[in-house]
Amino acid sequence: MNTEGLQSSRVEEIFAKVDANEDLTKEDALELLSINNQSADFYTLIQKANELSRKEFGQRGYVFAQIGLNSAPCAGNCKFCSLGKDNFVAEEKSEKSLEEILQQARWIVEEKADALFLMTTADYSIEKFLQIAKEVKKLLPEDMMFIANIGDFNEDTAVRLKEAGFTGVYHIVRMNEGIDTDLPVEKRIATLDALKNAGLELIYCVEPIGPEHTYGQIADEMLRARAYDVNVMACMKRVGVPGTPLYEKGEITDLELTKIAAAARLVTRPKKSMNVHEPKAMALIAGVNQLYAEVGMNPRDVNAETGNGRGFSIQNVKDMLAQAEYVTRA
């Protein structure tokens, strides 16, 4: 029996549903994720995702920039993170001053990024964070997305985030949440609901993906993102940080991440942009039109200033997008 021919036929049926603007099912997602990375179907998948993004997003590429405000042992205790309280392997504990944050925010504005993210550990003072945010907001153009990437919170805090000037929040249910982290899935979902109820935009990502995670788990997070009607979607592979408990489990390949991103593009149908992290050039022909630049703390890095480590600069990601013929803000 020619099983490759049967799979190709099934993939074409899924593509027909995409063309008809029908929601793909979990079964459809699993079919796409199960495609062999060396098969002809792999190339038809990334071509379809690229076609969809070029049709719906045009040539528009997006640059999102993130400032990590602190480096400290975190109660979230994620087993893949350089800042987990039981596996803190960052080079030092540190916290940016307001002036340092404002200086980096000014630079991000001058470099014409589309969004500014402020990221902290889960224990960072919400009062301090809100005060910083109000000062940063004064520097931002009216059309610049302003995104919080912090620990869990309730609806009252969500309202205060909006009042401080945030337009959205990056928040997710991670791979193996509650197993590889000390954070209950229910608490993560409660935060997702709180921010949506407050009228904040949700920025979602399937992450951090490792070799041990099943396609079923990955598909579930794609469908969760779609259920929250996300405009901005992403996929991120787990980066192995030496000294963290999950380091020995290894990493998925960039090729596998590209396939997952292409499948997520078709399943989730974000309305504004599709991202892959960390930036990967090959994913830009698989429906990805948005990349991140980072300064400050980075949970995938041991360097307290990731701009000197793993973090990409704004110009780096603009150049990558340009090579894929995406146009960023002038």
C-alpha atoms as a PDB file:
ATOM      1  CA  MET A   1       0.000   0.000   0.000  1.00  0.00           C
ATOM      2  CA  ASN A   2       1.276   3.457  -0.912  1.00  0.00           C
ATOM      3  CA  THR A   3       0.888   5.205   2.449  1.00  0.00           C
ATOM      4  CA  GLU A   4       2.701   8.321   1.186  1.00  0.00           C
ATOM      5  CA  GLY A   5       0.047   8.703  -1.496  1.00  0.00           C
ATOM      6  CA  LEU A   6      -2.713   8.355   1.094  1.00  0.00           C
ATOM      7  CA  GLN A   7      -1.117  10.998   3.302  1.00  0.00           C
ATOM      8  CA  SER A   8      -0.739  13.398   0.347  1.00  0.00           C
ATOM      9  CA  SER A   9      -4.427  12.966  -0.431  1.00  0.00           C
ATOM     10  CA  ARG A  10      -5.352  13.684   3.180  1.00  0.00           C
ATOM     11  CA  VAL A  11      -3.120  16.773   3.241  1.00  0.00           C
ATOM     12  CA  GLU A  12      -4.821  18.086   0.111  1.00  0.00           C
ATOM     13  CA  GLU A  13      -8.200  17.651   1.825  1.00  0.00           C
ATOM     14  CA  ILE A  14      -6.916  19.719   4.753  1.00  0.00           C
ATOM     15  CA  PHE A  15      -5.656  22.422   2.396  1.00  0.00           C
ATOM     16  CA  ALA A  16      -9.101  22.552   0.774  1.00  0.00           C
ATOM     17  CA  LYS A  17     -10.585  23.272   4.207  1.00  0.00           C
ATOM     18  CA  VAL A  18      -8.063  26.086   4.686  1.00  0.00           C
ATOM     19  CA  ASP A  19      -9.037  27.556   1.312  1.00  0.00           C
ATOM     20  CA  ALA A  20     -12.698  27.396   2.340  1.00  0.00           C
ATOM     21  CA  ASN A  21     -11.881  29.189   5.635  1.00  0.00           C
ATOM     22  CA  GLU A  22     -13.046  26.184   7.643  1.00  0.00           C
ATOM     23  CA  ASP A  23     -11.541  25.554  11.059  1.00  0.00           C
ATOM     24  CA  LEU A  24      -9.146  22.625  11.107  1.00  0.00           C
ATOM     25  CA  THR A  25      -9.758  19.920  13.710  1.00  0.00           C
ATOM     26  CA  LYS A  26      -7.288  18.376  16.119  1.00  0.00           C
ATOM     27  CA  GLU A  27      -7.195  15.374  13.786  1.00  0.00           C
ATOM     28  CA  ASP A  28      -6.213  17.713  10.932  1.00  0.00           C
ATOM     29  CA  ALA A  29      -3.510  19.289  13.084  1.00  0.00           C
ATOM     30  CA  LEU A  30      -2.108  15.880  13.978  1.00  0.00           C
ATOM     31  CA  GLU A  31      -2.030  14.927  10.300  1.00  0.00           C
ATOM     32  CA  LEU A  32       0.013  18.009   9.452  1.00  0.00           C
ATOM     33  CA  LEU A  33       2.357  17.611  12.409  1.00  0.00           C
ATOM     34  CA  SER A  34       2.961  13.953  11.522  1.00  0.00           C
ATOM     35  CA  ILE A  35       4.280  14.798   8.054  1.00  0.00           C
ATOM     36  CA  ASN A  36       7.760  13.387   7.473  1.00  0.00           C
ATOM     37  CA  ASN A  37      10.268  16.233   7.347  1.00  0.00           C
ATOM     38  CA  GLN A  38      12.013  14.669   4.350  1.00  0.00           C
ATOM     39  CA  SER A  39       8.846  14.061   2.330  1.00  0.00           C
ATOM     40  CA  ALA A  40       7.212  15.968  -0.514  1.00  0.00           C
ATOM     41  CA  ASP A  41       4.303  16.740   1.827  1.00  0.00           C
ATOM     42  CA  PHE A  42       6.672  18.732   4.041  1.00  0.00           C
ATOM     43  CA  TYR A  43       7.313  21.144   1.192  1.00  0.00           C
ATOM     44  CA  THR A  44       3.665  21.404   0.245  1.00  0.00           C
ATOM     45  CA  LEU A  45       2.874  22.253   3.882  1.00  0.00           C
ATOM     46  CA  ILE A  46       5.399  25.070   4.155  1.00  0.00           C
ATOM     47  CA  GLN A  47       4.355  26.335   0.715  1.00  0.00           C
ATOM     48  CA  LYS A  48       0.716  26.438   1.798  1.00  0.00           C
ATOM     49  CA  ALA A  49       1.551  28.306   4.998  1.00  0.00           C
ATOM     50  CA  ASN A  50       3.702  30.762   3.039  1.00  0.00           C
ATOM     51  CA  GLU A  51       0.923  31.244   0.489  1.00  0.00           C
ATOM     52  CA  LEU A  52      -1.602  31.966   3.238  1.00  0.00           C
ATOM     53  CA  SER A  53       0.618  34.531   4.963  1.00  0.00           C
ATOM     54  CA  ARG A  54       1.479  36.305   1.715  1.00  0.00           C
ATOM     55  CA  LYS A  55      -2.216  36.435   0.834  1.00  0.00           C
ATOM     56  CA  GLU A  56      -3.467  37.625   4.233  1.00  0.00           C
ATOM     57  CA  PHE A  57      -0.474  39.609   5.524  1.00  0.00           C
ATOM     58  CA  GLY A  58       0.875  40.895   2.210  1.00  0.00           C
ATOM     59  CA  GLN A  59       4.582  41.704   2.411  1.00  0.00           C
ATOM     60  CA  ARG A  60       4.307  43.160   5.918  1.00  0.00           C
ATOM     61  CA  GLY A  61       6.938  41.944   8.349  1.00  0.00           C
ATOM     62  CA  TYR A  62       6.860  42.726  12.069  1.00  0.00           C
ATOM     63  CA  VAL A  63       9.642  43.316  14.576  1.00  0.00           C
ATOM     64  CA  PHE A  64       8.767  42.830  18.234  1.00  0.00           C
ATOM     65  CA  ALA A  65      11.319  43.877  20.864  1.00  0.00           C
ATOM     66  CA  GLN A  66      11.475  42.734  24.470  1.00  0.00           C
ATOM     67  CA  ILE A  67      13.244  44.138  27.536  1.00  0.00           C
ATOM     68  CA  GLY A  68      13.896  41.698  30.376  1.00  0.00           C
ATOM     69  CA  LEU A  69      13.742  43.787  33.535  1.00  0.00           C
ATOM     70  CA  ASN A  70      15.328  41.466  36.091  1.00  0.00           C
ATOM     71  CA  SER A  71      17.386  38.347  36.664  1.00  0.00           C
ATOM     72  CA  ALA A  72      16.469  36.545  39.890  1.00  0.00           C
ATOM     73  CA  PRO A  73      15.440  33.074  41.154  1.00  0.00           C
ATOM     74  CA  CYS A  74      11.804  32.688  40.080  1.00  0.00           C
ATOM     75  CA  ALA A  75       9.005  30.874  41.937  1.00  0.00           C
ATOM     76  CA  GLY A  76       7.648  29.545  38.648  1.00  0.00           C
ATOM     77  CA  ASN A  77      10.621  27.184  38.898  1.00  0.00           C
ATOM     78  CA  CYS A  78      10.475  26.071  35.261  1.00  0.00           C
ATOM     79  CA  LYS A  79      12.850  23.171  34.653  1.00  0.00           C
ATOM     80  CA  PHE A  80      13.959  24.599  31.312  1.00  0.00           C
ATOM     81  CA  CYS A  81      14.643  28.141  32.543  1.00  0.00           C
ATOM     82  CA  SER A  82      17.953  29.678  33.594  1.00  0.00           C
ATOM     83  CA  LEU A  83      16.064  31.587  36.316  1.00  0.00           C
ATOM     84  CA  GLY A  84      14.182  28.775  38.061  1.00  0.00           C
ATOM     85  CA  LYS A  85      14.569  29.032  41.847  1.00  0.00           C
ATOM     86  CA  ASP A  86      15.885  25.453  42.125  1.00  0.00           C
ATOM     87  CA  ASN A  87      18.152  25.771  39.087  1.00  0.00           C
ATOM     88  CA  PHE A  88      19.246  29.391  38.881  1.00  0.00           C
ATOM     89  CA  VAL A  89      22.186  29.318  36.462  1.00  0.00           C
ATOM     90  CA  ALA A  90      22.223  32.925  35.230  1.00  0.00           C
ATOM     91  CA  GLU A  91      25.559  34.673  35.684  1.00  0.00           C
ATOM     92  CA  GLU A  92      24.162  37.090  38.269  1.00  0.00           C
ATOM     93  CA  LYS A  93      21.115  38.492  39.991  1.00  0.00           C
ATOM     94  CA  SER A  94      20.284  41.899  38.606  1.00  0.00           C
ATOM     95  CA  GLU A  95      17.513  44.422  38.099  1.00  0.00           C
ATOM     96  CA  LYS A  96      17.381  47.269  35.623  1.00  0.00           C
ATOM     97  CA  SER A  97      16.908  50.796  36.891  1.00  0.00           C
ATOM     98  CA  LEU A  98      14.103  52.930  35.518  1.00  0.00           C
ATOM     99  CA  GLU A  99      16.612  55.017  33.580  1.00  0.00           C
ATOM    100  CA  GLU A 100      18.148  51.919  31.989  1.00  0.00           C
ATOM    101  CA  ILE A 101      14.698  50.708  30.964  1.00  0.00           C
ATOM    102  CA  LEU A 102      13.743  54.094  29.529  1.00  0.00           C
ATOM    103  CA  GLN A 103      17.028  54.296  27.629  1.00  0.00           C
ATOM    104  CA  GLN A 104      16.438  50.903  26.022  1.00  0.00           C
ATOM    105  CA  ALA A 105      12.803  51.768  25.307  1.00  0.00           C
ATOM    106  CA  ARG A 106      13.905  54.955  23.514  1.00  0.00           C
ATOM    107  CA  TRP A 107      16.317  52.920  21.416  1.00  0.00           C
ATOM    108  CA  ILE A 108      13.574  50.437  20.507  1.00  0.00           C
ATOM    109  CA  VAL A 109      11.293  53.290  19.442  1.00  0.00           C
ATOM    110  CA  GLU A 110      14.080  54.890  17.375  1.00  0.00           C
ATOM    111  CA  GLU A 111      14.748  51.554  15.672  1.00  0.00           C
ATOM    112  CA  LYS A 112      11.088  51.419  14.574  1.00  0.00           C
ATOM    113  CA  ALA A 113       9.993  48.197  16.257  1.00  0.00           C
ATOM    114  CA  ASP A 114       6.278  47.394  16.027  1.00  0.00           C
ATOM    115  CA  ALA A 115       5.857  46.267  19.628  1.00  0.00           C
ATOM    116  CA  LEU A 116       7.603  46.653  22.962  1.00  0.00           C
ATOM    117  CA  PHE A 117       7.380  43.846  25.535  1.00  0.00           C
ATOM    118  CA  LEU A 118       8.364  44.249  29.185  1.00  0.00           C
ATOM    119  CA  MET A 119       9.257  40.901  30.783  1.00  0.00           C
ATOM    120  CA  THR A 120       9.860  40.019  34.430  1.00  0.00           C
ATOM    121  CA  THR A 121      10.138  36.957  36.627  1.00  0.00           C
ATOM    122  CA  ALA A 122       6.902  35.779  38.255  1.00  0.00           C
ATOM    123  CA  ASP A 123       7.816  37.364  41.619  1.00  0.00           C
ATOM    124  CA  TYR A 124       8.490  40.888  40.383  1.00  0.00           C
ATOM    125  CA  SER A 125       6.489  43.568  42.214  1.00  0.00           C
ATOM    126  CA  ILE A 126       3.347  44.411  40.249  1.00  0.00           C
ATOM    127  CA  GLU A 127       3.303  47.894  41.794  1.00  0.00           C
ATOM    128  CA  LYS A 128       6.830  48.596  40.587  1.00  0.00           C
ATOM    129  CA  PHE A 129       6.028  47.094  37.193  1.00  0.00           C
ATOM    130  CA  LEU A 130       2.985  49.337  36.736  1.00  0.00           C
ATOM    131  CA  GLN A 131       4.929  52.455  37.701  1.00  0.00           C
ATOM    132  CA  ILE A 132       7.679  51.599  35.217  1.00  0.00           C
ATOM    133  CA  ALA A 133       5.097  50.877  32.530  1.00  0.00           C
ATOM    134  CA  LYS A 134       3.467  54.289  32.927  1.00  0.00           C
ATOM    135  CA  GLU A 135       6.821  55.989  32.330  1.00  0.00           C
ATOM    136  CA  VAL A 136       7.674  53.780  29.354  1.00  0.00           C
ATOM    137  CA  LYS A 137       4.262  54.364  27.799  1.00  0.00           C
ATOM    138  CA  LYS A 138       4.998  58.092  27.560  1.00  0.00           C
ATOM    139  CA  LEU A 139       7.797  57.322  25.089  1.00  0.00           C
ATOM    140  CA  LEU A 140       5.805  55.121  22.735  1.00  0.00           C
ATOM    141  CA  PRO A 141       4.104  56.113  19.483  1.00  0.00           C
ATOM    142  CA  GLU A 142       0.326  55.762  19.584  1.00  0.00           C
ATOM    143  CA  ASP A 143       0.346  52.840  17.140  1.00  0.00           C
ATOM    144  CA  MET A 144       3.026  50.802  18.945  1.00  0.00           C
ATOM    145  CA  MET A 145       1.856  47.647  20.683  1.00  0.00           C
ATOM    146  CA  PHE A 146       2.776  47.606  24.387  1.00  0.00           C
ATOM    147  CA  ILE A 147       2.841  44.105  25.868  1.00  0.00           C
ATOM    148  CA  ALA A 148       3.300  42.761  29.406  1.00  0.00           C
ATOM    149  CA  ASN A 149       5.086  39.434  29.913  1.00  0.00           C
ATOM    150  CA  ILE A 150       4.755  38.726  33.646  1.00  0.00           C
ATOM    151  CA  GLY A 151       3.481  36.111  36.103  1.00  0.00           C
ATOM    152  CA  ASP A 152      -0.137  35.145  36.701  1.00  0.00           C
ATOM    153  CA  PHE A 153      -2.673  37.774  37.769  1.00  0.00           C
ATOM    154  CA  ASN A 154      -6.380  38.343  38.374  1.00  0.00           C
ATOM    155  CA  GLU A 155      -8.874  40.528  36.535  1.00  0.00           C
ATOM    156  CA  ASP A 156      -8.290  43.541  38.797  1.00  0.00           C
ATOM    157  CA  THR A 157      -4.615  43.514  37.870  1.00  0.00           C
ATOM    158  CA  ALA A 158      -5.540  43.039  34.212  1.00  0.00           C
ATOM    159  CA  VAL A 159      -7.589  46.235  34.369  1.00  0.00           C
ATOM    160  CA  ARG A 160      -4.666  48.053  35.984  1.00  0.00           C
ATOM    161  CA  LEU A 161      -2.343  46.834  33.237  1.00  0.00           C
ATOM    162  CA  LYS A 162      -4.690  48.317  30.665  1.00  0.00           C
ATOM    163  CA  GLU A 163      -4.916  51.582  32.607  1.00  0.00           C
ATOM    164  CA  ALA A 164      -1.100  51.738  32.676  1.00  0.00           C
ATOM    165  CA  GLY A 165      -1.095  51.710  28.883  1.00  0.00           C
ATOM    166  CA  PHE A 166      -0.598  48.070  27.951  1.00  0.00           C
ATOM    167  CA  THR A 167      -2.423  46.961  24.820  1.00  0.00           C
ATOM    168  CA  GLY A 168      -1.845  43.262  25.383  1.00  0.00           C
ATOM    169  CA  VAL A 169      -0.250  40.462  27.374  1.00  0.00           C
ATOM    170  CA  TYR A 170       1.984  37.558  26.417  1.00  0.00           C
ATOM    171  CA  HIS A 171       0.649  34.594  28.367  1.00  0.00           C
ATOM    172  CA  ILE A 172       0.457  30.868  27.669  1.00  0.00           C
ATOM    173  CA  VAL A 173      -0.089  27.391  29.003  1.00  0.00           C
ATOM    174  CA  ARG A 174       3.380  25.915  28.556  1.00  0.00           C
ATOM    175  CA  MET A 175       4.287  22.433  27.418  1.00  0.00           C
ATOM    176  CA  ASN A 176       3.962  20.161  30.475  1.00  0.00           C
ATOM    177  CA  GLU A 177       2.706  23.032  32.615  1.00  0.00           C
ATOM    178  CA  GLY A 178       2.399  21.910  36.232  1.00  0.00           C
ATOM    179  CA  ILE A 179       4.895  19.097  35.595  1.00  0.00           C
ATOM    180  CA  ASP A 180       7.965  20.939  34.335  1.00  0.00           C
ATOM    181  CA  THR A 181       6.850  24.072  36.190  1.00  0.00           C
ATOM    182  CA  ASP A 182       5.436  24.825  39.645  1.00  0.00           C
ATOM    183  CA  LEU A 183       2.450  26.611  38.099  1.00  0.00           C
ATOM    184  CA  PRO A 184      -0.977  24.914  37.887  1.00  0.00           C
ATOM    185  CA  VAL A 185      -2.619  24.837  34.466  1.00  0.00           C
ATOM    186  CA  GLU A 186      -5.821  26.175  36.044  1.00  0.00           C
ATOM    187  CA  LYS A 187      -4.002  29.283  37.248  1.00  0.00           C
ATOM    188  CA  ARG A 188      -2.575  29.914  33.794  1.00  0.00           C
ATOM    189  CA  ILE A 189      -6.019  29.599  32.209  1.00  0.00           C
ATOM    190  CA  ALA A 190      -7.534  31.922  34.820  1.00  0.00           C
ATOM    191  CA  THR A 191      -4.995  34.565  33.786  1.00  0.00           C
ATOM    192  CA  LEU A 192      -5.843  34.063  30.110  1.00  0.00           C
ATOM    193  CA  ASP A 193      -9.496  34.657  30.940  1.00  0.00           C
ATOM    194  CA  ALA A 194      -8.720  37.679  33.111  1.00  0.00           C
ATOM    195  CA  LEU A 195      -6.756  39.504  30.447  1.00  0.00           C
ATOM    196  CA  LYS A 196      -9.336  38.819  27.750  1.00  0.00           C
ATOM    197  CA  ASN A 197     -12.162  39.966  30.017  1.00  0.00           C
ATOM    198  CA  ALA A 198     -10.261  43.207  30.618  1.00  0.00           C
ATOM    199  CA  GLY A 199     -10.019  43.859  26.876  1.00  0.00           C
ATOM    200  CA  LEU A 200      -6.302  43.184  26.541  1.00  0.00           C
ATOM    201  CA  GLU A 201      -4.979  41.455  23.432  1.00  0.00           C
ATOM    202  CA  LEU A 202      -3.566  37.965  23.991  1.00  0.00           C
ATOM    203  CA  ILE A 203      -0.211  37.125  22.405  1.00  0.00           C
ATOM    204  CA  TYR A 204       0.138  33.326  22.355  1.00  0.00           C
ATOM    205  CA  CYS A 205       2.877  30.792  21.681  1.00  0.00           C
ATOM    206  CA  VAL A 206       3.239  27.004  21.648  1.00  0.00           C
ATOM    207  CA  GLU A 207       6.324  26.633  23.823  1.00  0.00           C
ATOM    208  CA  PRO A 208       8.828  25.509  24.911  1.00  0.00           C
ATOM    209  CA  ILE A 209       8.714  22.527  22.543  1.00  0.00           C
ATOM    210  CA  GLY A 210      11.123  19.667  23.265  1.00  0.00           C
ATOM    211  CA  PRO A 211      11.657  16.246  21.666  1.00  0.00           C
ATOM    212  CA  GLU A 212       9.574  14.553  24.390  1.00  0.00           C
ATOM    213  CA  HIS A 213       6.396  16.526  23.728  1.00  0.00           C
ATOM    214  CA  THR A 214       3.705  14.789  21.701  1.00  0.00           C
ATOM    215  CA  TYR A 215       1.985  16.172  18.645  1.00  0.00           C
ATOM    216  CA  GLY A 216      -1.228  15.887  20.624  1.00  0.00           C
ATOM    217  CA  GLN A 217       0.096  18.338  23.234  1.00  0.00           C
ATOM    218  CA  ILE A 218       1.283  20.715  20.532  1.00  0.00           C
ATOM    219  CA  ALA A 219      -2.050  20.554  18.687  1.00  0.00           C
ATOM    220  CA  ASP A 220      -3.960  21.272  21.909  1.00  0.00           C
ATOM    221  CA  GLU A 221      -2.083  24.559  22.380  1.00  0.00           C
ATOM    222  CA  MET A 222      -2.696  25.568  18.773  1.00  0.00           C
ATOM    223  CA  LEU A 223      -6.410  25.025  19.314  1.00  0.00           C
ATOM    224  CA  ARG A 224      -6.315  26.874  22.639  1.00  0.00           C
ATOM    225  CA  ALA A 225      -4.807  29.883  20.883  1.00  0.00           C
ATOM    226  CA  ARG A 226      -7.536  29.789  18.247  1.00  0.00           C
ATOM    227  CA  ALA A 227     -10.228  29.540  20.922  1.00  0.00           C
ATOM    228  CA  TYR A 228      -8.917  32.831  22.349  1.00  0.00           C
ATOM    229  CA  ASP A 229      -9.084  34.383  18.861  1.00  0.00           C
ATOM    230  CA  VAL A 230      -5.428  35.466  18.765  1.00  0.00           C
ATOM    231  CA  ASN A 231      -4.140  37.977  16.250  1.00  0.00           C
ATOM    232  CA  VAL A 232      -0.488  37.208  17.006  1.00  0.00           C
ATOM    233  CA  MET A 233       0.709  33.596  17.206  1.00  0.00           C
ATOM    234  CA  ALA A 234       4.089  31.934  17.710  1.00  0.00           C
ATOM    235  CA  CYS A 235       5.949  28.646  18.175  1.00  0.00           C
ATOM    236  CA  MET A 236       9.172  28.299  20.141  1.00  0.00           C
ATOM    237  CA  LYS A 237      11.498  25.388  20.641  1.00  0.00           C
ATOM    238  CA  ARG A 238      13.069  24.753  24.016  1.00  0.00           C
ATOM    239  CA  VAL A 239      16.661  25.912  24.148  1.00  0.00           C
ATOM    240  CA  GLY A 240      18.803  23.609  26.258  1.00  0.00           C
ATOM    241  CA  VAL A 241      20.390  25.685  29.018  1.00  0.00           C
ATOM    242  CA  PRO A 242      23.303  23.822  30.674  1.00  0.00           C
ATOM    243  CA  GLY A 243      22.607  23.235  34.343  1.00  0.00           C
ATOM    244  CA  THR A 244      18.825  23.109  34.017  1.00  0.00           C
ATOM    245  CA  PRO A 245      16.955  19.820  34.635  1.00  0.00           C
ATOM    246  CA  LEU A 246      15.691  19.437  31.055  1.00  0.00           C
ATOM    247  CA  TYR A 247      19.011  20.133  29.372  1.00  0.00           C
ATOM    248  CA  GLU A 248      19.751  16.436  28.814  1.00  0.00           C
ATOM    249  CA  LYS A 249      16.466  15.951  26.926  1.00  0.00           C
ATOM    250  CA  GLY A 250      17.899  17.921  24.020  1.00  0.00           C
ATOM    251  CA  GLU A 251      16.241  20.115  21.406  1.00  0.00           C
ATOM    252  CA  ILE A 252      14.066  19.679  18.357  1.00  0.00           C
ATOM    253  CA  THR A 253      15.653  20.637  15.038  1.00  0.00           C
ATOM    254  CA  ASP A 254      15.048  23.897  13.225  1.00  0.00           C
ATOM    255  CA  LEU A 255      13.421  21.861  10.462  1.00  0.00           C
ATOM    256  CA  GLU A 256      10.936  20.373  12.923  1.00  0.00           C
ATOM    257  CA  LEU A 257      10.209  23.824  14.364  1.00  0.00           C
ATOM    258  CA  THR A 258       9.569  25.139  10.849  1.00  0.00           C
ATOM    259  CA  LYS A 259       7.035  22.373  10.227  1.00  0.00           C
ATOM    260  CA  ILE A 260       5.286  23.069  13.537  1.00  0.00           C
ATOM    261  CA  ALA A 261       5.118  26.790  12.726  1.00  0.00           C
ATOM    262  CA  ALA A 262       3.630  26.060   9.303  1.00  0.00           C
ATOM    263  CA  ALA A 263       1.007  23.785  10.846  1.00  0.00           C
ATOM    264  CA  ALA A 264       0.220  26.391  13.516  1.00  0.00           C
ATOM    265  CA  ARG A 265      -0.253  29.011  10.808  1.00  0.00           C
ATOM    266  CA  LEU A 266      -2.953  26.875   9.160  1.00  0.00           C
ATOM    267  CA  VAL A 267      -4.619  25.647  12.353  1.00  0.00           C
ATOM    268  CA  THR A 268      -4.650  28.840  14.406  1.00  0.00           C
ATOM    269  CA  ARG A 269      -5.188  31.404  11.616  1.00  0.00           C
ATOM    270  CA  PRO A 270      -3.766  34.470  13.429  1.00  0.00           C
ATOM    271  CA  LYS A 271      -5.027  37.710  11.920  1.00  0.00           C
ATOM    272  CA  LYS A 272      -1.861  39.818  12.145  1.00  0.00           C
ATOM    273  CA  SER A 273       1.348  37.838  12.376  1.00  0.00           C
ATOM    274  CA  MET A 274       3.025  34.478  12.832  1.00  0.00           C
ATOM    275  CA  ASN A 275       6.281  34.180  14.737  1.00  0.00           C
ATOM    276  CA  VAL A 276       8.945  31.577  15.360  1.00  0.00           C
ATOM    277  CA  HIS A 277      11.427  31.879  18.200  1.00  0.00           C
ATOM    278  CA  GLU A 278      14.298  32.158  18.365  1.00  0.00           C
ATOM    279  CA  PRO A 279      14.579  33.749  14.881  1.00  0.00           C
ATOM    280  CA  LYS A 280      15.110  31.133  12.171  1.00  0.00           C
ATOM    281  CA  ALA A 281      15.576  32.160   8.542  1.00  0.00           C
ATOM    282  CA  MET A 282      14.105  28.941   7.138  1.00  0.00           C
ATOM    283  CA  ALA A 283      10.797  29.529   8.939  1.00  0.00           C
ATOM    284  CA  LEU A 284      10.284  32.712   6.918  1.00  0.00           C
ATOM    285  CA  ILE A 285       9.212  30.590   3.941  1.00  0.00           C
ATOM    286  CA  ALA A 286       6.725  28.719   6.151  1.00  0.00           C
ATOM    287  CA  GLY A 287       4.227  31.449   6.995  1.00  0.00           C
ATOM    288  CA  VAL A 288       6.334  33.349   9.552  1.00  0.00           C
ATOM    289  CA  ASN A 289       6.362  37.149   9.125  1.00  0.00           C
ATOM    290  CA  GLN A 290       7.385  38.335  12.608  1.00  0.00           C
ATOM    291  CA  LEU A 291      10.541  37.969  14.713  1.00  0.00           C
ATOM    292  CA  TYR A 292      11.720  39.066  18.168  1.00  0.00           C
ATOM    293  CA  ALA A 293      14.701  41.148  19.230  1.00  0.00           C
ATOM    294  CA  GLU A 294      15.694  40.950  22.914  1.00  0.00           C
ATOM    295  CA  VAL A 295      17.673  42.885  25.497  1.00  0.00           C
ATOM    296  CA  GLY A 296      18.044  42.384  29.235  1.00  0.00           C
ATOM    297  CA  MET A 297      17.073  39.117  30.898  1.00  0.00           C
ATOM    298  CA  ASN A 298      16.366  36.061  28.732  1.00  0.00           C
ATOM    299  CA  PRO A 299      15.304  32.762  30.348  1.00  0.00           C
ATOM    300  CA  ARG A 300      17.098  30.834  27.582  1.00  0.00           C
ATOM    301  CA  ASP A 301      20.392  32.583  28.320  1.00  0.00           C
ATOM    302  CA  VAL A 302      22.789  32.689  31.272  1.00  0.00           C
ATOM    303  CA  ASN A 303      23.979  36.153  30.265  1.00  0.00           C
ATOM    304  CA  ALA A 304      22.222  38.853  32.297  1.00  0.00           C
ATOM    305  CA  GLU A 305      22.289  41.041  29.168  1.00  0.00           C
ATOM    306  CA  THR A 306      21.081  38.821  26.363  1.00  0.00           C
ATOM    307  CA  GLY A 307      21.929  41.517  23.828  1.00  0.00           C
ATOM    308  CA  ASN A 308      25.496  40.328  24.404  1.00  0.00           C
ATOM    309  CA  GLY A 309      24.416  36.675  24.257  1.00  0.00           C
ATOM    310  CA  ARG A 310      21.576  34.844  22.491  1.00  0.00           C
ATOM    311  CA  GLY A 311      19.398  37.887  21.868  1.00  0.00           C
ATOM    312  CA  PHE A 312      19.020  39.210  18.320  1.00  0.00           C
ATOM    313  CA  SER A 313      19.164  42.950  17.664  1.00  0.00           C
ATOM    314  CA  ILE A 314      16.383  44.835  15.891  1.00  0.00           C
ATOM    315  CA  GLN A 315      18.617  45.308  12.862  1.00  0.00           C
ATOM    316  CA  ASN A 316      19.399  41.560  12.815  1.00  0.00           C
ATOM    317  CA  VAL A 317      15.736  40.625  12.561  1.00  0.00           C
ATOM    318  CA  LYS A 318      14.948  43.425  10.090  1.00  0.00           C
ATOM    319  CA  ASP A 319      17.690  42.078   7.842  1.00  0.00           C
ATOM    320  CA  MET A 320      16.314  38.538   8.127  1.00  0.00           C
ATOM    321  CA  LEU A 321      12.809  39.701   7.240  1.00  0.00           C
ATOM    322  CA  ALA A 322      14.137  41.725   4.322  1.00  0.00           C
ATOM    323  CA  GLN A 323      15.926  38.676   2.931  1.00  0.00           C
ATOM    324  CA  ALA A 324      12.559  36.906   2.913  1.00  0.00           C
ATOM    325  CA  GLU A 325      11.086  39.950   1.085  1.00  0.00           C
ATOM    326  CA  TYR A 326       9.055  41.168   4.018  1.00  0.00           C
ATOM    327  CA  VAL A 327       8.828  44.922   4.506  1.00  0.00           C
ATOM    328  CA  THR A 328       9.199  46.378   8.014  1.00  0.00           C
ATOM    329  CA  ARG A 329       8.429  49.888   9.310  1.00  0.00           C
ATOM    330  CA  ALA A 330      10.494  52.557   7.571  1.00  0.00           C
END
